[in-house]
């Protein structure tokens, strides 16, 4: 008697799905640095984006290592329909537009001379 087994793509689950909303945090770093600089008066917070982008994120990438858990091709269409991916995008889009409009307003309002 033989037993049927499912192909690996049928049982694959994304173990990192709850980290996807962190993408919205990454695109919001300019606003986070601006708010922190305004709240504290410390000019070091203007460096939030470069510190995260060129320091912390590459260091975490090095420490975590290579990601070998890519979804199989058969699973891509169904992943696009899952709510966790949709919510991550719906959260990131307003963050990105907020940063865009804030950046566009800086030359009009006099720049970053708030400290």
PDB file of N, CA and C in Angstrom:
ATOM      1  N   UNK A   1       0.838  -1.169   0.000  1.00  0.00           N
ATOM      2  CA  UNK A   1       0.000   0.000   0.000  1.00  0.00           C
ATOM      3  C   UNK A   1       0.892   1.245   0.000  1.00  0.00           C
ATOM      4  N   UNK A   2       0.580   2.165  -0.869  1.00  0.00           N
ATOM      5  CA  UNK A   2       1.359   3.392  -0.952  1.00  0.00           C
ATOM      6  C   UNK A   2       0.526   4.562  -0.442  1.00  0.00           C
ATOM      7  N   UNK A   3       1.197   5.527   0.069  1.00  0.00           N
ATOM      8  CA  UNK A   3       0.496   6.730   0.537  1.00  0.00           C
ATOM      9  C   UNK A   3       0.842   7.884  -0.388  1.00  0.00           C
ATOM     10  N   UNK A   4      -0.133   8.711  -0.616  1.00  0.00           N
ATOM     11  CA  UNK A   4       0.086   9.876  -1.474  1.00  0.00           C
ATOM     12  C   UNK A   4       0.664  11.009  -0.630  1.00  0.00           C
ATOM     13  N   UNK A   5       1.620  11.664  -1.189  1.00  0.00           N
ATOM     14  CA  UNK A   5       2.195  12.820  -0.490  1.00  0.00           C
ATOM     15  C   UNK A   5       1.946  14.064  -1.336  1.00  0.00           C
ATOM     16  N   UNK A   6       1.798  15.167  -0.667  1.00  0.00           N
ATOM     17  CA  UNK A   6       1.590  16.427  -1.358  1.00  0.00           C
ATOM     18  C   UNK A   6       2.921  16.970  -1.840  1.00  0.00           C
ATOM     19  N   UNK A   7       2.921  17.639  -2.975  1.00  0.00           N
ATOM     20  CA  UNK A   7       4.170  18.269  -3.413  1.00  0.00           C
ATOM     21  C   UNK A   7       4.556  19.373  -2.428  1.00  0.00           C
ATOM     22  N   UNK A   8       5.848  19.683  -2.317  1.00  0.00           N
ATOM     23  CA  UNK A   8       6.283  20.698  -1.352  1.00  0.00           C
ATOM     24  C   UNK A   8       5.598  22.036  -1.527  1.00  0.00           C
ATOM     25  N   UNK A   9       5.224  22.392  -2.769  1.00  0.00           N
ATOM     26  CA  UNK A   9       4.592  23.688  -2.985  1.00  0.00           C
ATOM     27  C   UNK A   9       3.191  23.755  -2.385  1.00  0.00           C
ATOM     28  N   UNK A  10       2.527  22.620  -2.210  1.00  0.00           N
ATOM     29  CA  UNK A  10       1.173  22.624  -1.680  1.00  0.00           C
ATOM     30  C   UNK A  10       1.159  22.895  -0.181  1.00  0.00           C
ATOM     31  N   UNK A  11       2.225  22.567   0.516  1.00  0.00           N
ATOM     32  CA  UNK A  11       2.250  22.749   1.960  1.00  0.00           C
ATOM     33  C   UNK A  11       3.139  23.915   2.383  1.00  0.00           C
ATOM     34  N   UNK A  12       3.665  24.665   1.439  1.00  0.00           N
ATOM     35  CA  UNK A  12       4.551  25.767   1.773  1.00  0.00           C
ATOM     36  C   UNK A  12       3.759  26.899   2.412  1.00  0.00           C
ATOM     37  N   UNK A  13       4.256  27.410   3.524  1.00  0.00           N
ATOM     38  CA  UNK A  13       3.658  28.575   4.162  1.00  0.00           C
ATOM     39  C   UNK A  13       4.749  29.617   4.409  1.00  0.00           C
ATOM     40  N   UNK A  14       4.358  30.849   4.345  1.00  0.00           N
ATOM     41  CA  UNK A  14       5.302  31.940   4.545  1.00  0.00           C
ATOM     42  C   UNK A  14       5.431  32.213   6.037  1.00  0.00           C
ATOM     43  N   UNK A  15       6.579  31.910   6.582  1.00  0.00           N
ATOM     44  CA  UNK A  15       6.814  32.094   8.014  1.00  0.00           C
ATOM     45  C   UNK A  15       7.124  33.548   8.356  1.00  0.00           C
ATOM     46  N   UNK A  16       7.372  34.355   7.331  1.00  0.00           N
ATOM     47  CA  UNK A  16       7.740  35.757   7.562  1.00  0.00           C
ATOM     48  C   UNK A  16       6.617  36.717   7.203  1.00  0.00           C
ATOM     49  N   UNK A  17       5.410  36.223   7.042  1.00  0.00           N
ATOM     50  CA  UNK A  17       4.307  37.069   6.595  1.00  0.00           C
ATOM     51  C   UNK A  17       3.999  38.189   7.568  1.00  0.00           C
ATOM     52  N   UNK A  18       4.283  38.018   8.829  1.00  0.00           N
ATOM     53  CA  UNK A  18       3.968  39.056   9.807  1.00  0.00           C
ATOM     54  C   UNK A  18       5.030  40.152   9.851  1.00  0.00           C
ATOM     55  N   UNK A  19       6.125  39.973   9.133  1.00  0.00           N
ATOM     56  CA  UNK A  19       7.157  41.010   9.052  1.00  0.00           C
ATOM     57  C   UNK A  19       6.944  41.937   7.857  1.00  0.00           C
ATOM     58  N   UNK A  20       6.036  41.606   6.946  1.00  0.00           N
ATOM     59  CA  UNK A  20       5.826  42.421   5.755  1.00  0.00           C
ATOM     60  C   UNK A  20       5.408  43.855   6.072  1.00  0.00           C
ATOM     61  N   UNK A  21       4.600  44.126   7.095  1.00  0.00           N
ATOM     62  CA  UNK A  21       4.259  45.531   7.391  1.00  0.00           C
ATOM     63  C   UNK A  21       5.457  46.385   7.791  1.00  0.00           C
ATOM     64  N   UNK A  22       6.593  45.774   8.101  1.00  0.00           N
ATOM     65  CA  UNK A  22       7.787  46.566   8.402  1.00  0.00           C
ATOM     66  C   UNK A  22       8.260  47.360   7.190  1.00  0.00           C
ATOM     67  N   UNK A  23       7.811  46.976   6.005  1.00  0.00           N
ATOM     68  CA  UNK A  23       8.128  47.753   4.812  1.00  0.00           C
ATOM     69  C   UNK A  23       7.568  49.171   4.906  1.00  0.00           C
ATOM     70  N   UNK A  24       6.405  49.314   5.524  1.00  0.00           N
ATOM     71  CA  UNK A  24       5.837  50.646   5.726  1.00  0.00           C
ATOM     72  C   UNK A  24       6.698  51.454   6.680  1.00  0.00           C
ATOM     73  N   UNK A  25       7.271  50.797   7.660  1.00  0.00           N
ATOM     74  CA  UNK A  25       8.168  51.485   8.586  1.00  0.00           C
ATOM     75  C   UNK A  25       9.411  51.976   7.849  1.00  0.00           C
ATOM     76  N   UNK A  26       9.923  51.167   6.952  1.00  0.00           N
ATOM     77  CA  UNK A  26      11.128  51.540   6.214  1.00  0.00           C
ATOM     78  C   UNK A  26      10.897  52.759   5.332  1.00  0.00           C
ATOM     79  N   UNK A  27       9.745  52.835   4.660  1.00  0.00           N
ATOM     80  CA  UNK A  27       9.498  53.994   3.801  1.00  0.00           C
ATOM     81  C   UNK A  27       9.128  55.230   4.606  1.00  0.00           C
ATOM     82  N   UNK A  28       8.785  55.053   5.871  1.00  0.00           N
ATOM     83  CA  UNK A  28       8.420  56.177   6.738  1.00  0.00           C
ATOM     84  C   UNK A  28       9.603  56.744   7.511  1.00  0.00           C
ATOM     85  N   UNK A  29      10.783  56.204   7.348  1.00  0.00           N
ATOM     86  CA  UNK A  29      11.937  56.656   8.123  1.00  0.00           C
ATOM     87  C   UNK A  29      12.233  58.155   8.005  1.00  0.00           C
ATOM     88  N   UNK A  30      12.065  58.791   6.838  1.00  0.00           N
ATOM     89  CA  UNK A  30      12.290  60.243   6.811  1.00  0.00           C
ATOM     90  C   UNK A  30      11.341  61.009   7.739  1.00  0.00           C
ATOM     91  N   UNK A  31      10.072  60.618   7.753  1.00  0.00           N
ATOM     92  CA  UNK A  31       9.120  61.282   8.641  1.00  0.00           C
ATOM     93  C   UNK A  31       9.387  60.965  10.104  1.00  0.00           C
ATOM     94  N   UNK A  32       9.813  59.747  10.372  1.00  0.00           N
ATOM     95  CA  UNK A  32      10.131  59.367  11.748  1.00  0.00           C
ATOM     96  C   UNK A  32      11.321  60.177  12.258  1.00  0.00           C
ATOM     97  N   UNK A  33      12.339  60.322  11.427  1.00  0.00           N
ATOM     98  CA  UNK A  33      13.497  61.133  11.802  1.00  0.00           C
ATOM     99  C   UNK A  33      13.126  62.586  12.001  1.00  0.00           C
ATOM    100  N   UNK A  34      12.284  63.121  11.136  1.00  0.00           N
ATOM    101  CA  UNK A  34      11.828  64.507  11.249  1.00  0.00           C
ATOM    102  C   UNK A  34      11.047  64.712  12.544  1.00  0.00           C
ATOM    103  N   UNK A  35      10.117  63.807  12.832  1.00  0.00           N
ATOM    104  CA  UNK A  35       9.321  63.920  14.058  1.00  0.00           C
ATOM    105  C   UNK A  35      10.201  63.805  15.296  1.00  0.00           C
ATOM    106  N   UNK A  36      11.161  62.901  15.272  1.00  0.00           N
ATOM    107  CA  UNK A  36      12.057  62.742  16.422  1.00  0.00           C
ATOM    108  C   UNK A  36      12.940  63.972  16.609  1.00  0.00           C
ATOM    109  N   UNK A  37      13.391  64.560  15.505  1.00  0.00           N
ATOM    110  CA  UNK A  37      14.209  65.771  15.607  1.00  0.00           C
ATOM    111  C   UNK A  37      13.395  66.936  16.151  1.00  0.00           C
ATOM    112  N   UNK A  38      12.154  67.043  15.717  1.00  0.00           N
ATOM    113  CA  UNK A  38      11.290  68.103  16.242  1.00  0.00           C
ATOM    114  C   UNK A  38      10.971  67.891  17.715  1.00  0.00           C
ATOM    115  N   UNK A  39      10.702  66.653  18.088  1.00  0.00           N
ATOM    116  CA  UNK A  39      10.295  66.358  19.466  1.00  0.00           C
ATOM    117  C   UNK A  39      11.439  66.530  20.458  1.00  0.00           C
ATOM    118  N   UNK A  40      12.638  66.166  20.061  1.00  0.00           N
ATOM    119  CA  UNK A  40      13.751  66.184  21.009  1.00  0.00           C
ATOM    120  C   UNK A  40      14.686  67.373  20.836  1.00  0.00           C
ATOM    121  N   UNK A  41      14.726  67.934  19.630  1.00  0.00           N
ATOM    122  CA  UNK A  41      15.671  68.999  19.350  1.00  0.00           C
ATOM    123  C   UNK A  41      17.066  68.481  19.049  1.00  0.00           C
ATOM    124  N   UNK A  42      17.237  67.198  18.944  1.00  0.00           N
ATOM    125  CA  UNK A  42      18.535  66.586  18.659  1.00  0.00           C
ATOM    126  C   UNK A  42      18.704  66.443  17.152  1.00  0.00           C
ATOM    127  N   UNK A  43      19.732  67.051  16.627  1.00  0.00           N
ATOM    128  CA  UNK A  43      19.977  67.013  15.184  1.00  0.00           C
ATOM    129  C   UNK A  43      20.410  65.635  14.697  1.00  0.00           C
ATOM    130  N   UNK A  44      20.826  64.762  15.586  1.00  0.00           N
ATOM    131  CA  UNK A  44      21.257  63.422  15.180  1.00  0.00           C
ATOM    132  C   UNK A  44      20.119  62.642  14.521  1.00  0.00           C
ATOM    133  N   UNK A  45      18.877  62.978  14.831  1.00  0.00           N
ATOM    134  CA  UNK A  45      17.754  62.246  14.242  1.00  0.00           C
ATOM    135  C   UNK A  45      17.578  62.532  12.755  1.00  0.00           C
ATOM    136  N   UNK A  46      18.224  63.574  12.232  1.00  0.00           N
ATOM    137  CA  UNK A  46      18.199  63.796  10.789  1.00  0.00           C
ATOM    138  C   UNK A  46      18.931  62.673  10.072  1.00  0.00           C
ATOM    139  N   UNK A  47      19.758  61.955  10.789  1.00  0.00           N
ATOM    140  CA  UNK A  47      20.529  60.852  10.210  1.00  0.00           C
ATOM    141  C   UNK A  47      19.813  59.503  10.332  1.00  0.00           C
ATOM    142  N   UNK A  48      18.546  59.503  10.711  1.00  0.00           N
ATOM    143  CA  UNK A  48      17.801  58.246  10.887  1.00  0.00           C
ATOM    144  C   UNK A  48      17.793  57.408   9.619  1.00  0.00           C
ATOM    145  N   UNK A  49      17.428  58.011   8.501  1.00  0.00           N
ATOM    146  CA  UNK A  49      17.351  57.243   7.256  1.00  0.00           C
ATOM    147  C   UNK A  49      18.697  56.683   6.831  1.00  0.00           C
ATOM    148  N   UNK A  50      19.777  57.488   6.745  1.00  0.00           N
ATOM    149  CA  UNK A  50      21.059  56.898   6.334  1.00  0.00           C
ATOM    150  C   UNK A  50      21.583  55.857   7.312  1.00  0.00           C
ATOM    151  N   UNK A  51      21.363  56.066   8.609  1.00  0.00           N
ATOM    152  CA  UNK A  51      21.844  55.092   9.592  1.00  0.00           C
ATOM    153  C   UNK A  51      21.132  53.757   9.410  1.00  0.00           C
ATOM    154  N   UNK A  52      19.813  53.795   9.235  1.00  0.00           N
ATOM    155  CA  UNK A  52      19.073  52.551   9.025  1.00  0.00           C
ATOM    156  C   UNK A  52      19.395  51.942   7.667  1.00  0.00           C
ATOM    157  N   UNK A  53      19.401  52.787   6.626  1.00  0.00           N
ATOM    158  CA  UNK A  53      19.565  52.290   5.271  1.00  0.00           C
ATOM    159  C   UNK A  53      20.947  51.717   5.004  1.00  0.00           C
ATOM    160  N   UNK A  54      21.987  52.363   5.523  1.00  0.00           N
ATOM    161  CA  UNK A  54      23.354  51.939   5.221  1.00  0.00           C
ATOM    162  C   UNK A  54      24.062  51.276   6.396  1.00  0.00           C
ATOM    163  N   UNK A  55      23.434  51.242   7.553  1.00  0.00           N
ATOM    164  CA  UNK A  55      24.072  50.646   8.721  1.00  0.00           C
ATOM    165  C   UNK A  55      23.294  49.484   9.312  1.00  0.00           C
ATOM    166  N   UNK A  56      22.131  49.781   9.856  1.00  0.00           N
ATOM    167  CA  UNK A  56      21.375  48.770  10.599  1.00  0.00           C
ATOM    168  C   UNK A  56      20.818  47.680   9.687  1.00  0.00           C
ATOM    169  N   UNK A  57      20.207  48.066   8.574  1.00  0.00           N
ATOM    170  CA  UNK A  57      19.619  47.057   7.681  1.00  0.00           C
ATOM    171  C   UNK A  57      20.681  46.127   7.094  1.00  0.00           C
ATOM    172  N   UNK A  58      21.822  46.627   6.579  1.00  0.00           N
ATOM    173  CA  UNK A  58      22.854  45.699   6.103  1.00  0.00           C
ATOM    174  C   UNK A  58      23.430  44.824   7.226  1.00  0.00           C
ATOM    175  N   UNK A  59      23.557  45.385   8.436  1.00  0.00           N
ATOM    176  CA  UNK A  59      24.059  44.576   9.549  1.00  0.00           C
ATOM    177  C   UNK A  59      23.090  43.458   9.885  1.00  0.00           C
ATOM    178  N   UNK A  60      21.798  43.763   9.917  1.00  0.00           N
ATOM    179  CA  UNK A  60      20.803  42.716  10.171  1.00  0.00           C
ATOM    180  C   UNK A  60      20.776  41.700   9.036  1.00  0.00           C
ATOM    181  N   UNK A  61      20.932  42.165   7.819  1.00  0.00           N
ATOM    182  CA  UNK A  61      20.971  41.258   6.675  1.00  0.00           C
ATOM    183  C   UNK A  61      22.151  40.295   6.786  1.00  0.00           C
ATOM    184  N   UNK A  62      23.286  40.803   7.218  1.00  0.00           N
ATOM    185  CA  UNK A  62      24.469  39.962   7.400  1.00  0.00           C
ATOM    186  C   UNK A  62      24.257  38.966   8.543  1.00  0.00           C
ATOM    187  N   UNK A  63      23.665  39.430   9.645  1.00  0.00           N
ATOM    188  CA  UNK A  63      23.465  38.557  10.801  1.00  0.00           C
ATOM    189  C   UNK A  63      22.415  37.477  10.545  1.00  0.00           C
ATOM    190  N   UNK A  64      21.360  37.831   9.846  1.00  0.00           N
ATOM    191  CA  UNK A  64      20.288  36.864   9.576  1.00  0.00           C
ATOM    192  C   UNK A  64      20.727  35.849   8.537  1.00  0.00           C
ATOM    193  N   UNK A  65      21.499  36.279   7.562  1.00  0.00           N
ATOM    194  CA  UNK A  65      21.984  35.357   6.540  1.00  0.00           C
ATOM    195  C   UNK A  65      21.078  35.307   5.326  1.00  0.00           C
ATOM    196  N   UNK A  66      21.427  34.430   4.416  1.00  0.00           N
ATOM    197  CA  UNK A  66      20.694  34.306   3.164  1.00  0.00           C
ATOM    198  C   UNK A  66      19.338  33.662   3.390  1.00  0.00           C
ATOM    199  N   UNK A  67      18.345  34.198   2.740  1.00  0.00           N
ATOM    200  CA  UNK A  67      16.989  33.660   2.833  1.00  0.00           C
ATOM    201  C   UNK A  67      16.813  32.600   1.750  1.00  0.00           C
ATOM    202  N   UNK A  68      16.665  31.366   2.165  1.00  0.00           N
ATOM    203  CA  UNK A  68      16.501  30.269   1.212  1.00  0.00           C
ATOM    204  C   UNK A  68      15.047  29.824   1.103  1.00  0.00           C
ATOM    205  N   UNK A  69      14.139  30.527   1.748  1.00  0.00           N
ATOM    206  CA  UNK A  69      12.734  30.136   1.780  1.00  0.00           C
ATOM    207  C   UNK A  69      11.894  30.952   0.809  1.00  0.00           C
ATOM    208  N   UNK A  70      12.219  30.922  -0.447  1.00  0.00           N
ATOM    209  CA  UNK A  70      11.417  31.606  -1.444  1.00  0.00           C
ATOM    210  C   UNK A  70      10.189  30.775  -1.773  1.00  0.00           C
ATOM    211  N   UNK A  71       9.075  31.430  -2.074  1.00  0.00           N
ATOM    212  CA  UNK A  71       7.870  30.664  -2.409  1.00  0.00           C
ATOM    213  C   UNK A  71       8.020  29.989  -3.767  1.00  0.00           C
ATOM    214  N   UNK A  72       7.448  28.813  -3.905  1.00  0.00           N
ATOM    215  CA  UNK A  72       7.476  28.149  -5.213  1.00  0.00           C
ATOM    216  C   UNK A  72       6.616  28.919  -6.214  1.00  0.00           C
ATOM    217  N   UNK A  73       6.911  28.755  -7.477  1.00  0.00           N
ATOM    218  CA  UNK A  73       6.213  29.490  -8.532  1.00  0.00           C
ATOM    219  C   UNK A  73       4.711  29.206  -8.523  1.00  0.00           C
ATOM    220  N   UNK A  74       4.322  27.983  -8.181  1.00  0.00           N
ATOM    221  CA  UNK A  74       2.900  27.620  -8.180  1.00  0.00           C
ATOM    222  C   UNK A  74       2.133  28.372  -7.096  1.00  0.00           C
ATOM    223  N   UNK A  75       2.823  28.844  -6.101  1.00  0.00           N
ATOM    224  CA  UNK A  75       2.172  29.474  -4.946  1.00  0.00           C
ATOM    225  C   UNK A  75       2.082  30.998  -5.082  1.00  0.00           C
ATOM    226  N   UNK A  76       2.727  31.585  -6.080  1.00  0.00           N
ATOM    227  CA  UNK A  76       2.781  33.034  -6.215  1.00  0.00           C
ATOM    228  C   UNK A  76       1.408  33.670  -6.418  1.00  0.00           C
ATOM    229  N   UNK A  77       0.570  33.083  -7.242  1.00  0.00           N
ATOM    230  CA  UNK A  77      -0.754  33.663  -7.500  1.00  0.00           C
ATOM    231  C   UNK A  77      -1.606  33.655  -6.234  1.00  0.00           C
ATOM    232  N   UNK A  78      -1.543  32.598  -5.467  1.00  0.00           N
ATOM    233  CA  UNK A  78      -2.354  32.542  -4.247  1.00  0.00           C
ATOM    234  C   UNK A  78      -1.792  33.455  -3.159  1.00  0.00           C
ATOM    235  N   UNK A  79      -0.482  33.668  -3.152  1.00  0.00           N
ATOM    236  CA  UNK A  79       0.101  34.592  -2.172  1.00  0.00           C
ATOM    237  C   UNK A  79      -0.369  36.023  -2.417  1.00  0.00           C
ATOM    238  N   UNK A  80      -0.533  36.385  -3.672  1.00  0.00           N
ATOM    239  CA  UNK A  80      -0.983  37.738  -3.999  1.00  0.00           C
ATOM    240  C   UNK A  80      -2.399  37.999  -3.504  1.00  0.00           C
ATOM    241  N   UNK A  81      -3.153  36.941  -3.278  1.00  0.00           N
ATOM    242  CA  UNK A  81      -4.530  37.089  -2.812  1.00  0.00           C
ATOM    243  C   UNK A  81      -4.664  37.080  -1.289  1.00  0.00           C
ATOM    244  N   UNK A  82      -3.595  36.769  -0.580  1.00  0.00           N
ATOM    245  CA  UNK A  82      -3.684  36.693   0.882  1.00  0.00           C
ATOM    246  C   UNK A  82      -3.758  38.079   1.500  1.00  0.00           C
ATOM    247  N   UNK A  83      -4.503  38.171   2.587  1.00  0.00           N
ATOM    248  CA  UNK A  83      -4.742  39.461   3.235  1.00  0.00           C
ATOM    249  C   UNK A  83      -3.474  40.070   3.813  1.00  0.00           C
ATOM    250  N   UNK A  84      -2.560  39.259   4.309  1.00  0.00           N
ATOM    251  CA  UNK A  84      -1.357  39.821   4.931  1.00  0.00           C
ATOM    252  C   UNK A  84      -0.528  40.607   3.925  1.00  0.00           C
ATOM    253  N   UNK A  85      -0.445  40.142   2.709  1.00  0.00           N
ATOM    254  CA  UNK A  85       0.290  40.865   1.672  1.00  0.00           C
ATOM    255  C   UNK A  85      -0.465  42.119   1.247  1.00  0.00           C
ATOM    256  N   UNK A  86      -1.764  42.000   1.116  1.00  0.00           N
ATOM    257  CA  UNK A  86      -2.578  43.156   0.736  1.00  0.00           C
ATOM    258  C   UNK A  86      -2.507  44.242   1.802  1.00  0.00           C
ATOM    259  N   UNK A  87      -2.577  43.863   3.078  1.00  0.00           N
ATOM    260  CA  UNK A  87      -2.507  44.848   4.162  1.00  0.00           C
ATOM    261  C   UNK A  87      -1.140  45.515   4.217  1.00  0.00           C
ATOM    262  N   UNK A  88      -0.093  44.776   3.924  1.00  0.00           N
ATOM    263  CA  UNK A  88       1.249  45.366   3.926  1.00  0.00           C
ATOM    264  C   UNK A  88       1.361  46.444   2.850  1.00  0.00           C
ATOM    265  N   UNK A  89       0.795  46.188   1.683  1.00  0.00           N
ATOM    266  CA  UNK A  89       0.832  47.179   0.613  1.00  0.00           C
ATOM    267  C   UNK A  89      -0.079  48.354   0.951  1.00  0.00           C
ATOM    268  N   UNK A  90      -1.266  48.066   1.477  1.00  0.00           N
ATOM    269  CA  UNK A  90      -2.194  49.142   1.826  1.00  0.00           C
ATOM    270  C   UNK A  90      -1.652  50.019   2.945  1.00  0.00           C
ATOM    271  N   UNK A  91      -0.795  49.495   3.766  1.00  0.00           N
ATOM    272  CA  UNK A  91      -0.161  50.285   4.809  1.00  0.00           C
ATOM    273  C   UNK A  91       1.010  51.092   4.257  1.00  0.00           C
ATOM    274  N   UNK A  92       1.756  50.523   3.342  1.00  0.00           N
ATOM    275  CA  UNK A  92       2.944  51.193   2.805  1.00  0.00           C
ATOM    276  C   UNK A  92       2.607  52.331   1.849  1.00  0.00           C
ATOM    277  N   UNK A  93       1.525  52.222   1.102  1.00  0.00           N
ATOM    278  CA  UNK A  93       1.197  53.243   0.106  1.00  0.00           C
ATOM    279  C   UNK A  93       0.931  54.606   0.751  1.00  0.00           C
ATOM    280  N   UNK A  94       0.084  54.716   1.787  1.00  0.00           N
ATOM    281  CA  UNK A  94      -0.095  56.043   2.392  1.00  0.00           C
ATOM    282  C   UNK A  94       1.170  56.567   3.055  1.00  0.00           C
ATOM    283  N   UNK A  95       1.984  55.676   3.581  1.00  0.00           N
ATOM    284  CA  UNK A  95       3.257  56.109   4.172  1.00  0.00           C
ATOM    285  C   UNK A  95       4.155  56.709   3.100  1.00  0.00           C
ATOM    286  N   UNK A  96       4.228  56.063   1.967  1.00  0.00           N
ATOM    287  CA  UNK A  96       5.069  56.558   0.875  1.00  0.00           C
ATOM    288  C   UNK A  96       4.568  57.900   0.352  1.00  0.00           C
ATOM    289  N   UNK A  97       3.255  58.035   0.170  1.00  0.00           N
ATOM    290  CA  UNK A  97       2.696  59.298  -0.293  1.00  0.00           C
ATOM    291  C   UNK A  97       2.888  60.402   0.744  1.00  0.00           C
ATOM    292  N   UNK A  98       2.795  60.070   2.003  1.00  0.00           N
ATOM    293  CA  UNK A  98       3.026  61.069   3.054  1.00  0.00           C
ATOM    294  C   UNK A  98       4.453  61.593   2.991  1.00  0.00           C
ATOM    295  N   UNK A  99       5.405  60.702   2.841  1.00  0.00           N
ATOM    296  CA  UNK A  99       6.805  61.115   2.730  1.00  0.00           C
ATOM    297  C   UNK A  99       7.004  61.949   1.469  1.00  0.00           C
ATOM    298  N   UNK A 100       6.366  61.562   0.383  1.00  0.00           N
ATOM    299  CA  UNK A 100       6.488  62.302  -0.872  1.00  0.00           C
ATOM    300  C   UNK A 100       5.966  63.730  -0.720  1.00  0.00           C
ATOM    301  N   UNK A 101       4.748  63.882  -0.177  1.00  0.00           N
ATOM    302  CA  UNK A 101       4.173  65.220  -0.037  1.00  0.00           C
ATOM    303  C   UNK A 101       4.927  66.050   1.003  1.00  0.00           C
ATOM    304  N   UNK A 102       5.397  65.414   2.056  1.00  0.00           N
ATOM    305  CA  UNK A 102       6.215  66.121   3.037  1.00  0.00           C
ATOM    306  C   UNK A 102       7.494  66.628   2.372  1.00  0.00           C
ATOM    307  N   UNK A 103       8.140  65.774   1.588  1.00  0.00           N
ATOM    308  CA  UNK A 103       9.353  66.185   0.892  1.00  0.00           C
ATOM    309  C   UNK A 103       9.104  67.306  -0.100  1.00  0.00           C
ATOM    310  N   UNK A 104       7.966  67.269  -0.777  1.00  0.00           N
ATOM    311  CA  UNK A 104       7.629  68.341  -1.714  1.00  0.00           C
ATOM    312  C   UNK A 104       7.326  69.647  -0.988  1.00  0.00           C
ATOM    313  N   UNK A 105       6.828  69.562   0.222  1.00  0.00           N
ATOM    314  CA  UNK A 105       6.483  70.780   0.961  1.00  0.00           C
ATOM    315  C   UNK A 105       7.703  71.458   1.574  1.00  0.00           C
ATOM    316  N   UNK A 106       8.796  70.741   1.738  1.00  0.00           N
ATOM    317  CA  UNK A 106       9.977  71.324   2.388  1.00  0.00           C
ATOM    318  C   UNK A 106      10.521  72.554   1.661  1.00  0.00           C
ATOM    319  N   UNK A 107      10.695  72.529   0.336  1.00  0.00           N
ATOM    320  CA  UNK A 107      11.190  73.754  -0.323  1.00  0.00           C
ATOM    321  C   UNK A 107      10.189  74.907  -0.260  1.00  0.00           C
ATOM    322  N   UNK A 108       8.901  74.571  -0.269  1.00  0.00           N
ATOM    323  CA  UNK A 108       7.859  75.609  -0.272  1.00  0.00           C
ATOM    324  C   UNK A 108       7.762  76.295   1.096  1.00  0.00           C
ATOM    325  N   UNK A 109       7.914  75.532   2.163  1.00  0.00           N
ATOM    326  CA  UNK A 109       7.738  76.092   3.506  1.00  0.00           C
ATOM    327  C   UNK A 109       9.016  76.613   4.119  1.00  0.00           C
ATOM    328  N   UNK A 110      10.116  76.521   3.437  1.00  0.00           N
ATOM    329  CA  UNK A 110      11.341  77.054   3.969  1.00  0.00           C
ATOM    330  C   UNK A 110      12.364  76.024   4.358  1.00  0.00           C
ATOM    331  N   UNK A 111      12.109  74.776   4.046  1.00  0.00           N
ATOM    332  CA  UNK A 111      13.095  73.733   4.293  1.00  0.00           C
ATOM    333  C   UNK A 111      13.036  73.141   5.682  1.00  0.00           C
ATOM    334  N   UNK A 112      14.176  72.676   6.112  1.00  0.00           N
ATOM    335  CA  UNK A 112      14.271  71.925   7.360  1.00  0.00           C
ATOM    336  C   UNK A 112      14.877  72.769   8.485  1.00  0.00           C
ATOM    337  N   UNK A 113      14.614  74.035   8.529  1.00  0.00           N
ATOM    338  CA  UNK A 113      15.201  74.890   9.549  1.00  0.00           C
ATOM    339  C   UNK A 113      14.351  74.913  10.825  1.00  0.00           C
ATOM    340  N   UNK A 114      13.997  73.743  11.299  1.00  0.00           N
ATOM    341  CA  UNK A 114      13.121  73.667  12.467  1.00  0.00           C
ATOM    342  C   UNK A 114      13.883  73.494  13.757  1.00  0.00           C
ATOM    343  N   UNK A 115      15.194  73.336  13.710  1.00  0.00           N
ATOM    344  CA  UNK A 115      15.959  73.147  14.942  1.00  0.00           C
ATOM    345  C   UNK A 115      16.792  74.361  15.252  1.00  0.00           C
TER     346      UNK A 115
END
